[in-house]
């Protein structure tokens, strides 16, 4: 026990700012959530693990397509940007189940 604390990491704090999240695209929102999680060492170590989100995006033919956005291992959760997520077409991924 150090300085009367049973656990030396402070509990998580809600850093969500609705005004910052209001106009973000689904991918930008994923990056925002990921950055908040990764910056809080009470919930994530360096690198922070993986995050993902599903959204509907227009494909190269302008057709609505379900996409799974994934933050892969090796990128830092606290600093990841939208263009660093990998988009997987769910129509192609679901048959793998």
PDB file of N, CA and C in Angstrom:
ATOM      1  N   UNK A   1       0.853  -1.170   0.000  1.00  0.00           N
ATOM      2  CA  UNK A   1       0.000   0.000   0.000  1.00  0.00           C
ATOM      3  C   UNK A   1       0.900   1.234   0.000  1.00  0.00           C
ATOM      4  N   UNK A   2       0.635   2.172  -0.913  1.00  0.00           N
ATOM      5  CA  UNK A   2       1.429   3.378  -1.044  1.00  0.00           C
ATOM      6  C   UNK A   2       0.553   4.598  -0.791  1.00  0.00           C
ATOM      7  N   UNK A   3       0.996   5.477   0.083  1.00  0.00           N
ATOM      8  CA  UNK A   3       0.256   6.712   0.380  1.00  0.00           C
ATOM      9  C   UNK A   3      -1.203   6.457   0.729  1.00  0.00           C
ATOM     10  N   UNK A   4      -1.508   5.350   1.365  1.00  0.00           N
ATOM     11  CA  UNK A   4      -2.878   5.057   1.766  1.00  0.00           C
ATOM     12  C   UNK A   4      -3.767   4.545   0.648  1.00  0.00           C
ATOM     13  N   UNK A   5      -3.215   4.375  -0.538  1.00  0.00           N
ATOM     14  CA  UNK A   5      -4.010   3.879  -1.661  1.00  0.00           C
ATOM     15  C   UNK A   5      -3.853   2.376  -1.781  1.00  0.00           C
ATOM     16  N   UNK A   6      -4.951   1.686  -1.910  1.00  0.00           N
ATOM     17  CA  UNK A   6      -4.888   0.243  -2.110  1.00  0.00           C
ATOM     18  C   UNK A   6      -4.526  -0.083  -3.554  1.00  0.00           C
ATOM     19  N   UNK A   7      -4.848   0.811  -4.468  1.00  0.00           N
ATOM     20  CA  UNK A   7      -4.580   0.610  -5.887  1.00  0.00           C
ATOM     21  C   UNK A   7      -4.043   1.922  -6.434  1.00  0.00           C
ATOM     22  N   UNK A   8      -2.831   1.952  -6.984  1.00  0.00           N
ATOM     23  CA  UNK A   8      -2.186   3.226  -7.339  1.00  0.00           C
ATOM     24  C   UNK A   8      -2.703   3.915  -8.605  1.00  0.00           C
ATOM     25  N   UNK A   9      -3.671   3.323  -9.299  1.00  0.00           N
ATOM     26  CA  UNK A   9      -4.201   3.951 -10.508  1.00  0.00           C
ATOM     27  C   UNK A   9      -5.545   4.588 -10.169  1.00  0.00           C
ATOM     28  N   UNK A  10      -5.705   5.846 -10.560  1.00  0.00           N
ATOM     29  CA  UNK A  10      -6.956   6.559 -10.285  1.00  0.00           C
ATOM     30  C   UNK A  10      -8.114   5.920 -11.059  1.00  0.00           C
ATOM     31  N   UNK A  11      -9.308   5.965 -10.495  1.00  0.00           N
ATOM     32  CA  UNK A  11     -10.462   5.406 -11.216  1.00  0.00           C
ATOM     33  C   UNK A  11     -10.749   6.189 -12.489  1.00  0.00           C
ATOM     34  N   UNK A  12     -11.428   5.567 -13.443  1.00  0.00           N
ATOM     35  CA  UNK A  12     -11.721   6.256 -14.706  1.00  0.00           C
ATOM     36  C   UNK A  12     -12.576   7.504 -14.491  1.00  0.00           C
ATOM     37  N   UNK A  13     -12.361   8.466 -15.364  1.00  0.00           N
ATOM     38  CA  UNK A  13     -13.123   9.712 -15.351  1.00  0.00           C
ATOM     39  C   UNK A  13     -13.837   9.830 -16.690  1.00  0.00           C
ATOM     40  N   UNK A  14     -15.079  10.265 -16.671  1.00  0.00           N
ATOM     41  CA  UNK A  14     -15.828  10.447 -17.911  1.00  0.00           C
ATOM     42  C   UNK A  14     -15.326  11.709 -18.609  1.00  0.00           C
ATOM     43  N   UNK A  15     -14.612  11.531 -19.728  1.00  0.00           N
ATOM     44  CA  UNK A  15     -14.056  12.664 -20.486  1.00  0.00           C
ATOM     45  C   UNK A  15     -14.842  12.941 -21.767  1.00  0.00           C
ATOM     46  N   UNK A  16     -15.962  12.263 -21.928  1.00  0.00           N
ATOM     47  CA  UNK A  16     -16.797  12.417 -23.121  1.00  0.00           C
ATOM     48  C   UNK A  16     -17.335  13.839 -23.196  1.00  0.00           C
ATOM     49  N   UNK A  17     -17.176  14.469 -24.357  1.00  0.00           N
ATOM     50  CA  UNK A  17     -17.683  15.818 -24.601  1.00  0.00           C
ATOM     51  C   UNK A  17     -18.717  15.752 -25.727  1.00  0.00           C
ATOM     52  N   UNK A  18     -20.013  15.780 -25.401  1.00  0.00           N
ATOM     53  CA  UNK A  18     -21.042  15.691 -26.439  1.00  0.00           C
ATOM     54  C   UNK A  18     -20.862  16.722 -27.557  1.00  0.00           C
ATOM     55  N   UNK A  19     -20.401  17.911 -27.211  1.00  0.00           N
ATOM     56  CA  UNK A  19     -20.227  18.945 -28.238  1.00  0.00           C
ATOM     57  C   UNK A  19     -19.130  18.562 -29.231  1.00  0.00           C
ATOM     58  N   UNK A  20     -18.109  17.821 -28.785  1.00  0.00           N
ATOM     59  CA  UNK A  20     -17.048  17.381 -29.703  1.00  0.00           C
ATOM     60  C   UNK A  20     -17.498  16.206 -30.560  1.00  0.00           C
ATOM     61  N   UNK A  21     -18.390  15.390 -30.035  1.00  0.00           N
ATOM     62  CA  UNK A  21     -18.818  14.177 -30.735  1.00  0.00           C
ATOM     63  C   UNK A  21     -20.008  14.403 -31.657  1.00  0.00           C
ATOM     64  N   UNK A  22     -20.713  15.477 -31.478  1.00  0.00           N
ATOM     65  CA  UNK A  22     -22.003  15.699 -32.141  1.00  0.00           C
ATOM     66  C   UNK A  22     -21.971  15.537 -33.658  1.00  0.00           C
ATOM     67  N   UNK A  23     -21.027  16.125 -34.333  1.00  0.00           N
ATOM     68  CA  UNK A  23     -21.029  16.147 -35.806  1.00  0.00           C
ATOM     69  C   UNK A  23     -20.018  15.191 -36.447  1.00  0.00           C
ATOM     70  N   UNK A  24     -19.527  14.235 -35.684  1.00  0.00           N
ATOM     71  CA  UNK A  24     -18.522  13.321 -36.220  1.00  0.00           C
ATOM     72  C   UNK A  24     -19.164  12.206 -37.039  1.00  0.00           C
ATOM     73  N   UNK A  25     -18.453  11.745 -38.060  1.00  0.00           N
ATOM     74  CA  UNK A  25     -18.879  10.573 -38.827  1.00  0.00           C
ATOM     75  C   UNK A  25     -18.708   9.339 -37.928  1.00  0.00           C
ATOM     76  N   UNK A  26     -19.298   8.210 -38.299  1.00  0.00           N
ATOM     77  CA  UNK A  26     -19.096   7.010 -37.483  1.00  0.00           C
ATOM     78  C   UNK A  26     -17.612   6.649 -37.299  1.00  0.00           C
ATOM     79  N   UNK A  27     -16.809   6.809 -38.327  1.00  0.00           N
ATOM     80  CA  UNK A  27     -15.387   6.497 -38.214  1.00  0.00           C
ATOM     81  C   UNK A  27     -14.668   7.509 -37.318  1.00  0.00           C
ATOM     82  N   UNK A  28     -14.981   8.777 -37.469  1.00  0.00           N
ATOM     83  CA  UNK A  28     -14.386   9.796 -36.600  1.00  0.00           C
ATOM     84  C   UNK A  28     -14.811   9.583 -35.146  1.00  0.00           C
ATOM     85  N   UNK A  29     -16.053   9.160 -34.947  1.00  0.00           N
ATOM     86  CA  UNK A  29     -16.557   8.877 -33.610  1.00  0.00           C
ATOM     87  C   UNK A  29     -15.804   7.699 -32.990  1.00  0.00           C
ATOM     88  N   UNK A  30     -15.503   6.685 -33.773  1.00  0.00           N
ATOM     89  CA  UNK A  30     -14.713   5.561 -33.290  1.00  0.00           C
ATOM     90  C   UNK A  30     -13.323   6.031 -32.860  1.00  0.00           C
ATOM     91  N   UNK A  31     -12.702   6.873 -33.660  1.00  0.00           N
ATOM     92  CA  UNK A  31     -11.379   7.400 -33.309  1.00  0.00           C
ATOM     93  C   UNK A  31     -11.464   8.236 -32.033  1.00  0.00           C
ATOM     94  N   UNK A  32     -12.490   9.051 -31.900  1.00  0.00           N
ATOM     95  CA  UNK A  32     -12.676   9.877 -30.696  1.00  0.00           C
ATOM     96  C   UNK A  32     -12.813   8.991 -29.458  1.00  0.00           C
ATOM     97  N   UNK A  33     -13.697   7.987 -29.528  1.00  0.00           N
ATOM     98  CA  UNK A  33     -13.879   7.062 -28.393  1.00  0.00           C
ATOM     99  C   UNK A  33     -12.583   6.336 -28.074  1.00  0.00           C
ATOM    100  N   UNK A  34     -11.901   5.877 -29.112  1.00  0.00           N
ATOM    101  CA  UNK A  34     -10.649   5.150 -28.919  1.00  0.00           C
ATOM    102  C   UNK A  34      -9.607   6.028 -28.237  1.00  0.00           C
ATOM    103  N   UNK A  35      -9.481   7.275 -28.674  1.00  0.00           N
ATOM    104  CA  UNK A  35      -8.511   8.189 -28.083  1.00  0.00           C
ATOM    105  C   UNK A  35      -8.805   8.440 -26.609  1.00  0.00           C
ATOM    106  N   UNK A  36     -10.084   8.591 -26.265  1.00  0.00           N
ATOM    107  CA  UNK A  36     -10.443   8.804 -24.858  1.00  0.00           C
ATOM    108  C   UNK A  36     -10.087   7.581 -24.016  1.00  0.00           C
ATOM    109  N   UNK A  37     -10.396   6.397 -24.523  1.00  0.00           N
ATOM    110  CA  UNK A  37     -10.058   5.166 -23.793  1.00  0.00           C
ATOM    111  C   UNK A  37      -8.549   5.001 -23.653  1.00  0.00           C
ATOM    112  N   UNK A  38      -7.831   5.201 -24.748  1.00  0.00           N
ATOM    113  CA  UNK A  38      -6.383   4.996 -24.742  1.00  0.00           C
ATOM    114  C   UNK A  38      -5.626   5.989 -23.893  1.00  0.00           C
ATOM    115  N   UNK A  39      -6.168   7.189 -23.724  1.00  0.00           N
ATOM    116  CA  UNK A  39      -5.512   8.215 -22.917  1.00  0.00           C
ATOM    117  C   UNK A  39      -5.695   7.978 -21.425  1.00  0.00           C
ATOM    118  N   UNK A  40      -6.632   7.124 -21.063  1.00  0.00           N
ATOM    119  CA  UNK A  40      -6.931   6.860 -19.649  1.00  0.00           C
ATOM    120  C   UNK A  40      -6.239   5.568 -19.226  1.00  0.00           C
ATOM    121  N   UNK A  41      -5.123   5.681 -18.535  1.00  0.00           N
ATOM    122  CA  UNK A  41      -4.337   4.507 -18.145  1.00  0.00           C
ATOM    123  C   UNK A  41      -5.021   3.661 -17.068  1.00  0.00           C
ATOM    124  N   UNK A  42      -6.159   4.126 -16.542  1.00  0.00           N
ATOM    125  CA  UNK A  42      -6.904   3.281 -15.604  1.00  0.00           C
ATOM    126  C   UNK A  42      -7.734   2.239 -16.340  1.00  0.00           C
ATOM    127  N   UNK A  43      -7.919   2.416 -17.657  1.00  0.00           N
ATOM    128  CA  UNK A  43      -8.686   1.436 -18.439  1.00  0.00           C
ATOM    129  C   UNK A  43      -7.903   0.827 -19.597  1.00  0.00           C
ATOM    130  N   UNK A  44      -6.744   1.411 -19.956  1.00  0.00           N
ATOM    131  CA  UNK A  44      -5.982   0.884 -21.097  1.00  0.00           C
ATOM    132  C   UNK A  44      -4.487   1.063 -20.881  1.00  0.00           C
ATOM    133  N   UNK A  45      -3.724   0.049 -21.218  1.00  0.00           N
ATOM    134  CA  UNK A  45      -2.270   0.147 -21.202  1.00  0.00           C
ATOM    135  C   UNK A  45      -1.807   0.854 -22.467  1.00  0.00           C
ATOM    136  N   UNK A  46      -0.473   1.113 -22.586  1.00  0.00           N
ATOM    137  CA  UNK A  46       0.035   1.715 -23.806  1.00  0.00           C
ATOM    138  C   UNK A  46      -0.361   0.818 -24.976  1.00  0.00           C
ATOM    139  N   UNK A  47      -0.774   1.430 -26.038  1.00  0.00           N
ATOM    140  CA  UNK A  47      -1.277   0.674 -27.188  1.00  0.00           C
ATOM    141  C   UNK A  47      -2.765   0.466 -27.056  1.00  0.00           C
ATOM    142  N   UNK A  48      -3.195   0.096 -25.867  1.00  0.00           N
ATOM    143  CA  UNK A  48      -4.594   0.121 -25.500  1.00  0.00           C
ATOM    144  C   UNK A  48      -5.489  -1.004 -25.956  1.00  0.00           C
ATOM    145  N   UNK A  49      -5.006  -1.926 -26.763  1.00  0.00           N
ATOM    146  CA  UNK A  49      -5.886  -2.986 -27.211  1.00  0.00           C
ATOM    147  C   UNK A  49      -6.589  -2.618 -28.509  1.00  0.00           C
ATOM    148  N   UNK A  50      -7.722  -3.229 -28.738  1.00  0.00           N
ATOM    149  CA  UNK A  50      -8.423  -3.048 -30.005  1.00  0.00           C
ATOM    150  C   UNK A  50      -9.805  -2.453 -29.790  1.00  0.00           C
ATOM    151  N   UNK A  51     -10.250  -1.674 -30.745  1.00  0.00           N
ATOM    152  CA  UNK A  51     -11.609  -1.150 -30.763  1.00  0.00           C
ATOM    153  C   UNK A  51     -12.165  -1.363 -32.163  1.00  0.00           C
ATOM    154  N   UNK A  52     -13.493  -1.376 -32.269  1.00  0.00           N
ATOM    155  CA  UNK A  52     -14.120  -1.544 -33.575  1.00  0.00           C
ATOM    156  C   UNK A  52     -15.510  -0.934 -33.543  1.00  0.00           C
ATOM    157  N   UNK A  53     -16.052  -0.730 -34.720  1.00  0.00           N
ATOM    158  CA  UNK A  53     -17.397  -0.186 -34.851  1.00  0.00           C
ATOM    159  C   UNK A  53     -17.936  -0.557 -36.228  1.00  0.00           C
ATOM    160  N   UNK A  54     -19.242  -0.716 -36.310  1.00  0.00           N
ATOM    161  CA  UNK A  54     -19.892  -0.994 -37.599  1.00  0.00           C
ATOM    162  C   UNK A  54     -20.601   0.262 -38.078  1.00  0.00           C
ATOM    163  N   UNK A  55     -20.592   0.453 -39.383  1.00  0.00           N
ATOM    164  CA  UNK A  55     -21.328   1.570 -39.979  1.00  0.00           C
ATOM    165  C   UNK A  55     -21.699   1.198 -41.409  1.00  0.00           C
ATOM    166  N   UNK A  56     -22.528   2.010 -42.006  1.00  0.00           N
ATOM    167  CA  UNK A  56     -22.867   1.856 -43.418  1.00  0.00           C
ATOM    168  C   UNK A  56     -22.145   2.956 -44.180  1.00  0.00           C
ATOM    169  N   UNK A  57     -21.364   2.553 -45.161  1.00  0.00           N
ATOM    170  CA  UNK A  57     -20.573   3.479 -45.974  1.00  0.00           C
ATOM    171  C   UNK A  57     -20.906   3.249 -47.442  1.00  0.00           C
ATOM    172  N   UNK A  58     -20.632   4.241 -48.260  1.00  0.00           N
ATOM    173  CA  UNK A  58     -20.801   4.070 -49.699  1.00  0.00           C
ATOM    174  C   UNK A  58     -19.541   3.427 -50.264  1.00  0.00           C
ATOM    175  N   UNK A  59     -19.722   2.362 -51.050  1.00  0.00           N
ATOM    176  CA  UNK A  59     -18.571   1.703 -51.654  1.00  0.00           C
ATOM    177  C   UNK A  59     -18.137   2.461 -52.910  1.00  0.00           C
ATOM    178  N   UNK A  60     -17.192   1.905 -53.635  1.00  0.00           N
ATOM    179  CA  UNK A  60     -16.648   2.580 -54.814  1.00  0.00           C
ATOM    180  C   UNK A  60     -17.676   2.779 -55.924  1.00  0.00           C
ATOM    181  N   UNK A  61     -18.809   2.068 -55.831  1.00  0.00           N
ATOM    182  CA  UNK A  61     -19.887   2.245 -56.812  1.00  0.00           C
ATOM    183  C   UNK A  61     -21.016   3.102 -56.261  1.00  0.00           C
ATOM    184  N   UNK A  62     -20.766   3.715 -55.095  1.00  0.00           N
ATOM    185  CA  UNK A  62     -21.759   4.563 -54.422  1.00  0.00           C
ATOM    186  C   UNK A  62     -22.937   3.764 -53.866  1.00  0.00           C
ATOM    187  N   UNK A  63     -22.716   2.478 -53.580  1.00  0.00           N
ATOM    188  CA  UNK A  63     -23.749   1.635 -52.986  1.00  0.00           C
ATOM    189  C   UNK A  63     -23.543   1.564 -51.484  1.00  0.00           C
ATOM    190  N   UNK A  64     -24.627   1.616 -50.688  1.00  0.00           N
ATOM    191  CA  UNK A  64     -24.484   1.457 -49.235  1.00  0.00           C
ATOM    192  C   UNK A  64     -23.928   0.066 -48.913  1.00  0.00           C
ATOM    193  N   UNK A  65     -22.908   0.030 -48.079  1.00  0.00           N
ATOM    194  CA  UNK A  65     -22.232  -1.214 -47.718  1.00  0.00           C
ATOM    195  C   UNK A  65     -21.954  -1.216 -46.223  1.00  0.00           C
ATOM    196  N   UNK A  66     -22.277  -2.330 -45.555  1.00  0.00           N
ATOM    197  CA  UNK A  66     -21.980  -2.457 -44.122  1.00  0.00           C
ATOM    198  C   UNK A  66     -20.484  -2.703 -43.957  1.00  0.00           C
ATOM    199  N   UNK A  67     -19.860  -1.900 -43.085  1.00  0.00           N
ATOM    200  CA  UNK A  67     -18.419  -1.962 -42.871  1.00  0.00           C
ATOM    201  C   UNK A  67     -18.130  -2.140 -41.381  1.00  0.00           C
ATOM    202  N   UNK A  68     -17.155  -2.994 -41.087  1.00  0.00           N
ATOM    203  CA  UNK A  68     -16.624  -3.139 -39.739  1.00  0.00           C
ATOM    204  C   UNK A  68     -15.274  -2.443 -39.720  1.00  0.00           C
ATOM    205  N   UNK A  69     -15.172  -1.360 -38.937  1.00  0.00           N
ATOM    206  CA  UNK A  69     -13.917  -0.625 -38.787  1.00  0.00           C
ATOM    207  C   UNK A  69     -13.168  -1.220 -37.597  1.00  0.00           C
ATOM    208  N   UNK A  70     -11.890  -1.565 -37.784  1.00  0.00           N
ATOM    209  CA  UNK A  70     -11.108  -2.245 -36.753  1.00  0.00           C
ATOM    210  C   UNK A  70      -9.797  -1.510 -36.505  1.00  0.00           C
ATOM    211  N   UNK A  71      -9.480  -1.314 -35.222  1.00  0.00           N
ATOM    212  CA  UNK A  71      -8.151  -0.829 -34.832  1.00  0.00           C
ATOM    213  C   UNK A  71      -7.308  -2.058 -34.579  1.00  0.00           C
ATOM    214  N   UNK A  72      -6.324  -2.244 -35.378  1.00  0.00           N
ATOM    215  CA  UNK A  72      -5.494  -3.423 -35.240  1.00  0.00           C
ATOM    216  C   UNK A  72      -4.423  -3.278 -34.178  1.00  0.00           C
ATOM    217  N   UNK A  73      -3.848  -4.383 -33.803  1.00  0.00           N
ATOM    218  CA  UNK A  73      -2.737  -4.380 -32.855  1.00  0.00           C
ATOM    219  C   UNK A  73      -1.566  -3.612 -33.445  1.00  0.00           C
ATOM    220  N   UNK A  74      -0.831  -2.942 -32.578  1.00  0.00           N
ATOM    221  CA  UNK A  74       0.358  -2.218 -33.016  1.00  0.00           C
ATOM    222  C   UNK A  74       0.147  -0.729 -33.163  1.00  0.00           C
ATOM    223  N   UNK A  75      -1.098  -0.267 -33.283  1.00  0.00           N
ATOM    224  CA  UNK A  75      -1.347   1.169 -33.318  1.00  0.00           C
ATOM    225  C   UNK A  75      -1.792   1.609 -31.922  1.00  0.00           C
ATOM    226  N   UNK A  76      -1.511   2.840 -31.572  1.00  0.00           N
ATOM    227  CA  UNK A  76      -1.783   3.344 -30.227  1.00  0.00           C
ATOM    228  C   UNK A  76      -3.213   3.856 -30.121  1.00  0.00           C
ATOM    229  N   UNK A  77      -3.968   3.296 -29.200  1.00  0.00           N
ATOM    230  CA  UNK A  77      -5.357   3.675 -28.986  1.00  0.00           C
ATOM    231  C   UNK A  77      -5.485   5.160 -28.650  1.00  0.00           C
ATOM    232  N   UNK A  78      -4.528   5.702 -27.931  1.00  0.00           N
ATOM    233  CA  UNK A  78      -4.605   7.094 -27.482  1.00  0.00           C
ATOM    234  C   UNK A  78      -4.394   8.103 -28.604  1.00  0.00           C
ATOM    235  N   UNK A  79      -3.747   7.675 -29.693  1.00  0.00           N
ATOM    236  CA  UNK A  79      -3.410   8.644 -30.747  1.00  0.00           C
ATOM    237  C   UNK A  79      -3.914   8.251 -32.130  1.00  0.00           C
ATOM    238  N   UNK A  80      -4.614   7.127 -32.239  1.00  0.00           N
ATOM    239  CA  UNK A  80      -5.057   6.659 -33.554  1.00  0.00           C
ATOM    240  C   UNK A  80      -5.964   7.688 -34.227  1.00  0.00           C
ATOM    241  N   UNK A  81      -5.823   7.811 -35.531  1.00  0.00           N
ATOM    242  CA  UNK A  81      -6.627   8.719 -36.357  1.00  0.00           C
ATOM    243  C   UNK A  81      -7.572   7.888 -37.227  1.00  0.00           C
ATOM    244  N   UNK A  82      -8.656   8.495 -37.721  1.00  0.00           N
ATOM    245  CA  UNK A  82      -9.615   7.737 -38.529  1.00  0.00           C
ATOM    246  C   UNK A  82      -8.995   6.966 -39.691  1.00  0.00           C
ATOM    247  N   UNK A  83      -8.017   7.540 -40.360  1.00  0.00           N
ATOM    248  CA  UNK A  83      -7.431   6.860 -41.526  1.00  0.00           C
ATOM    249  C   UNK A  83      -6.538   5.681 -41.159  1.00  0.00           C
ATOM    250  N   UNK A  84      -6.347   5.415 -39.863  1.00  0.00           N
ATOM    251  CA  UNK A  84      -5.533   4.291 -39.431  1.00  0.00           C
ATOM    252  C   UNK A  84      -6.361   3.043 -39.111  1.00  0.00           C
ATOM    253  N   UNK A  85      -7.681   3.151 -39.173  1.00  0.00           N
ATOM    254  CA  UNK A  85      -8.546   1.995 -38.962  1.00  0.00           C
ATOM    255  C   UNK A  85      -8.681   1.226 -40.276  1.00  0.00           C
ATOM    256  N   UNK A  86      -8.860  -0.060 -40.165  1.00  0.00           N
ATOM    257  CA  UNK A  86      -9.064  -0.902 -41.340  1.00  0.00           C
ATOM    258  C   UNK A  86     -10.551  -1.137 -41.516  1.00  0.00           C
ATOM    259  N   UNK A  87     -11.059  -0.901 -42.723  1.00  0.00           N
ATOM    260  CA  UNK A  87     -12.461  -1.137 -43.027  1.00  0.00           C
ATOM    261  C   UNK A  87     -12.644  -2.491 -43.693  1.00  0.00           C
ATOM    262  N   UNK A  88     -13.478  -3.336 -43.094  1.00  0.00           N
ATOM    263  CA  UNK A  88     -13.755  -4.658 -43.650  1.00  0.00           C
ATOM    264  C   UNK A  88     -15.208  -4.719 -44.081  1.00  0.00           C
ATOM    265  N   UNK A  89     -15.442  -5.131 -45.306  1.00  0.00           N
ATOM    266  CA  UNK A  89     -16.805  -5.281 -45.827  1.00  0.00           C
ATOM    267  C   UNK A  89     -17.459  -6.475 -45.123  1.00  0.00           C
ATOM    268  N   UNK A  90     -18.520  -6.209 -44.362  1.00  0.00           N
ATOM    269  CA  UNK A  90     -19.156  -7.286 -43.601  1.00  0.00           C
ATOM    270  C   UNK A  90     -19.721  -8.389 -44.501  1.00  0.00           C
ATOM    271  N   UNK A  91     -20.154  -8.037 -45.705  1.00  0.00           N
ATOM    272  CA  UNK A  91     -20.659  -9.046 -46.644  1.00  0.00           C
ATOM    273  C   UNK A  91     -19.578 -10.082 -46.965  1.00  0.00           C
ATOM    274  N   UNK A  92     -18.306  -9.638 -46.965  1.00  0.00           N
ATOM    275  CA  UNK A  92     -17.199 -10.555 -47.249  1.00  0.00           C
ATOM    276  C   UNK A  92     -16.726 -11.295 -45.997  1.00  0.00           C
ATOM    277  N   UNK A  93     -16.896 -10.687 -44.831  1.00  0.00           N
ATOM    278  CA  UNK A  93     -16.385 -11.258 -43.596  1.00  0.00           C
ATOM    279  C   UNK A  93     -17.349 -12.262 -42.972  1.00  0.00           C
ATOM    280  N   UNK A  94     -18.636 -11.981 -42.996  1.00  0.00           N
ATOM    281  CA  UNK A  94     -19.610 -12.830 -42.311  1.00  0.00           C
ATOM    282  C   UNK A  94     -19.597 -14.300 -42.758  1.00  0.00           C
ATOM    283  N   UNK A  95     -19.389 -14.613 -44.034  1.00  0.00           N
ATOM    284  CA  UNK A  95     -19.318 -16.037 -44.406  1.00  0.00           C
ATOM    285  C   UNK A  95     -18.173 -16.789 -43.725  1.00  0.00           C
ATOM    286  N   UNK A  96     -17.180 -16.088 -43.232  1.00  0.00           N
ATOM    287  CA  UNK A  96     -16.057 -16.742 -42.555  1.00  0.00           C
ATOM    288  C   UNK A  96     -16.464 -17.317 -41.203  1.00  0.00           C
ATOM    289  N   UNK A  97     -17.586 -16.842 -40.667  1.00  0.00           N
ATOM    290  CA  UNK A  97     -18.055 -17.375 -39.380  1.00  0.00           C
ATOM    291  C   UNK A  97     -18.437 -18.816 -39.542  1.00  0.00           C
TER     292      UNK A  97
END
